[in-house]
C-alpha cells in the first residue's frame, strides 16, 4: 500500500513538472512578457499561496524558512525562465 502511494505521488509530481514546462513555454510564446517579470510573478504568487495555506492552517508557529533556501528557489526559477525564452 505504501509503495503504491509513493509511486502515485511520484507520477503526479512528474506530470506537474511537465505541465509547468508546457505552460511556461506557452506563456513566453503567446505574450510579450520578459523572463525577469515572469519569474517575479511566479515567485510572488507562490509565496502568497504558501502564506495563505499556512495562515489558514494556523500552523505559523514553529515554521520558518531560511534565506539560503529562498535564494536557491529564486536561482532555479530565474534560470528556467530565461531558458524557456531561448527554447
C-alpha atoms as a PDB file:
ATOM      1  CA  UNK A   1       0.000   0.000   0.000  1.00  0.00           C
ATOM      2  CA  UNK A   2       2.725   2.486   0.954  1.00  0.00           C
ATOM      3  CA  UNK A   3       4.785   1.693  -2.130  1.00  0.00           C
ATOM      4  CA  UNK A   4       1.861   2.309  -4.472  1.00  0.00           C
ATOM      5  CA  UNK A   5       1.177   5.622  -2.735  1.00  0.00           C
ATOM      6  CA  UNK A   6       4.780   6.718  -3.273  1.00  0.00           C
ATOM      7  CA  UNK A   7       4.598   5.692  -6.926  1.00  0.00           C
ATOM      8  CA  UNK A   8       1.327   7.567  -7.411  1.00  0.00           C
ATOM      9  CA  UNK A   9       2.689  10.724  -5.780  1.00  0.00           C
ATOM     10  CA  UNK A  10       5.848  10.487  -7.887  1.00  0.00           C
ATOM     11  CA  UNK A  11       3.758  10.168 -11.037  1.00  0.00           C
ATOM     12  CA  UNK A  12       1.682  13.201 -10.049  1.00  0.00           C
ATOM     13  CA  UNK A  13       4.838  15.231  -9.393  1.00  0.00           C
ATOM     14  CA  UNK A  14       6.299  14.289 -12.776  1.00  0.00           C
ATOM     15  CA  UNK A  15       3.085  15.240 -14.553  1.00  0.00           C
ATOM     16  CA  UNK A  16       3.004  18.553 -12.674  1.00  0.00           C
ATOM     17  CA  UNK A  17       6.606  19.328 -13.696  1.00  0.00           C
ATOM     18  CA  UNK A  18       5.806  18.520 -17.333  1.00  0.00           C
ATOM     19  CA  UNK A  19       2.667  20.658 -17.254  1.00  0.00           C
ATOM     20  CA  UNK A  20       4.648  23.513 -15.691  1.00  0.00           C
ATOM     21  CA  UNK A  21       7.167  23.316 -18.518  1.00  0.00           C
ATOM     22  CA  UNK A  22       4.469  23.402 -21.175  1.00  0.00           C
ATOM     23  CA  UNK A  23       2.629  26.286 -19.519  1.00  0.00           C
ATOM     24  CA  UNK A  24       5.829  28.324 -19.183  1.00  0.00           C
ATOM     25  CA  UNK A  25       6.668  27.850 -22.830  1.00  0.00           C
ATOM     26  CA  UNK A  26       3.156  28.886 -23.832  1.00  0.00           C
ATOM     27  CA  UNK A  27       3.376  31.984 -21.636  1.00  0.00           C
ATOM     28  CA  UNK A  28       6.522  33.135 -23.406  1.00  0.00           C
ATOM     29  CA  UNK A  29       5.289  32.154 -26.842  1.00  0.00           C
ATOM     30  CA  UNK A  30       1.945  33.904 -26.647  1.00  0.00           C
ATOM     31  CA  UNK A  31       2.858  37.042 -24.720  1.00  0.00           C
ATOM     32  CA  UNK A  32       5.478  39.753 -24.640  1.00  0.00           C
ATOM     33  CA  UNK A  33       6.443  39.187 -21.007  1.00  0.00           C
ATOM     34  CA  UNK A  34      10.158  39.067 -20.261  1.00  0.00           C
ATOM     35  CA  UNK A  35      11.790  36.340 -18.188  1.00  0.00           C
ATOM     36  CA  UNK A  36      12.510  38.562 -15.183  1.00  0.00           C
ATOM     37  CA  UNK A  37       8.910  39.766 -14.890  1.00  0.00           C
ATOM     38  CA  UNK A  38       7.608  36.245 -15.390  1.00  0.00           C
ATOM     39  CA  UNK A  39       9.874  34.894 -12.642  1.00  0.00           C
ATOM     40  CA  UNK A  40       8.851  37.677 -10.274  1.00  0.00           C
ATOM     41  CA  UNK A  41       5.166  36.993 -10.821  1.00  0.00           C
ATOM     42  CA  UNK A  42       5.660  33.240 -10.320  1.00  0.00           C
ATOM     43  CA  UNK A  43       7.637  33.653  -7.102  1.00  0.00           C
ATOM     44  CA  UNK A  44       5.320  36.267  -5.620  1.00  0.00           C
ATOM     45  CA  UNK A  45       2.187  34.264  -6.389  1.00  0.00           C
ATOM     46  CA  UNK A  46       3.809  31.125  -4.969  1.00  0.00           C
ATOM     47  CA  UNK A  47       4.870  32.947  -1.800  1.00  0.00           C
ATOM     48  CA  UNK A  48       1.382  34.388  -1.330  1.00  0.00           C
ATOM     49  CA  UNK A  49      -0.201  30.990  -1.860  1.00  0.00           C
ATOM     50  CA  UNK A  50       2.085  29.318   0.670  1.00  0.00           C
ATOM     51  CA  UNK A  51       1.468  32.130   3.158  1.00  0.00           C
ATOM     52  CA  UNK A  52      -2.289  31.697   2.729  1.00  0.00           C
ATOM     53  CA  UNK A  53      -2.077  27.928   3.249  1.00  0.00           C
ATOM     54  CA  UNK A  54      -0.050  28.366   6.430  1.00  0.00           C
ATOM     55  CA  UNK A  55      -2.345  31.139   7.696  1.00  0.00           C
ATOM     56  CA  UNK A  56      -5.457  29.044   7.080  1.00  0.00           C
ATOM     57  CA  UNK A  57      -3.962  26.047   8.860  1.00  0.00           C
ATOM     58  CA  UNK A  58      -2.910  28.233  11.790  1.00  0.00           C
ATOM     59  CA  UNK A  59       0.424  26.441  11.765  1.00  0.00           C
ATOM     60  CA  UNK A  60       2.519  29.580  11.536  1.00  0.00           C
ATOM     61  CA  UNK A  61       4.156  28.975  14.892  1.00  0.00           C
ATOM     62  CA  UNK A  62       7.307  26.950  14.667  1.00  0.00           C
ATOM     63  CA  UNK A  63       7.519  27.171  10.896  1.00  0.00           C
ATOM     64  CA  UNK A  64      10.355  29.121   9.422  1.00  0.00           C
ATOM     65  CA  UNK A  65      12.463  29.328   6.358  1.00  0.00           C
ATOM     66  CA  UNK A  66      15.922  30.478   5.576  1.00  0.00           C
ATOM     67  CA  UNK A  67      17.452  32.833   3.077  1.00  0.00           C
ATOM     68  CA  UNK A  68      19.700  30.166   1.585  1.00  0.00           C
ATOM     69  CA  UNK A  69      16.700  28.086   0.518  1.00  0.00           C
ATOM     70  CA  UNK A  70      14.886  31.173  -0.738  1.00  0.00           C
ATOM     71  CA  UNK A  71      17.862  32.149  -2.878  1.00  0.00           C
ATOM     72  CA  UNK A  72      18.142  28.598  -4.250  1.00  0.00           C
ATOM     73  CA  UNK A  73      14.464  28.709  -5.276  1.00  0.00           C
ATOM     74  CA  UNK A  74      14.971  32.096  -6.912  1.00  0.00           C
ATOM     75  CA  UNK A  75      18.040  30.883  -8.820  1.00  0.00           C
ATOM     76  CA  UNK A  76      16.142  27.805 -10.026  1.00  0.00           C
ATOM     77  CA  UNK A  77      13.112  29.811 -11.154  1.00  0.00           C
ATOM     78  CA  UNK A  78      15.194  32.506 -12.848  1.00  0.00           C
ATOM     79  CA  UNK A  79      17.382  30.006 -14.696  1.00  0.00           C
ATOM     80  CA  UNK A  80      14.394  28.122 -16.045  1.00  0.00           C
ATOM     81  CA  UNK A  81      12.524  31.290 -17.001  1.00  0.00           C
ATOM     82  CA  UNK A  82      15.470  32.568 -19.008  1.00  0.00           C
ATOM     83  CA  UNK A  83      15.932  29.113 -20.550  1.00  0.00           C
ATOM     84  CA  UNK A  84      12.301  28.994 -21.672  1.00  0.00           C
ATOM     85  CA  UNK A  85      12.852  32.235 -23.593  1.00  0.00           C
ATOM     86  CA  UNK A  86      15.520  30.604 -25.732  1.00  0.00           C
ATOM     87  CA  UNK A  87      13.705  27.296 -26.315  1.00  0.00           C
END
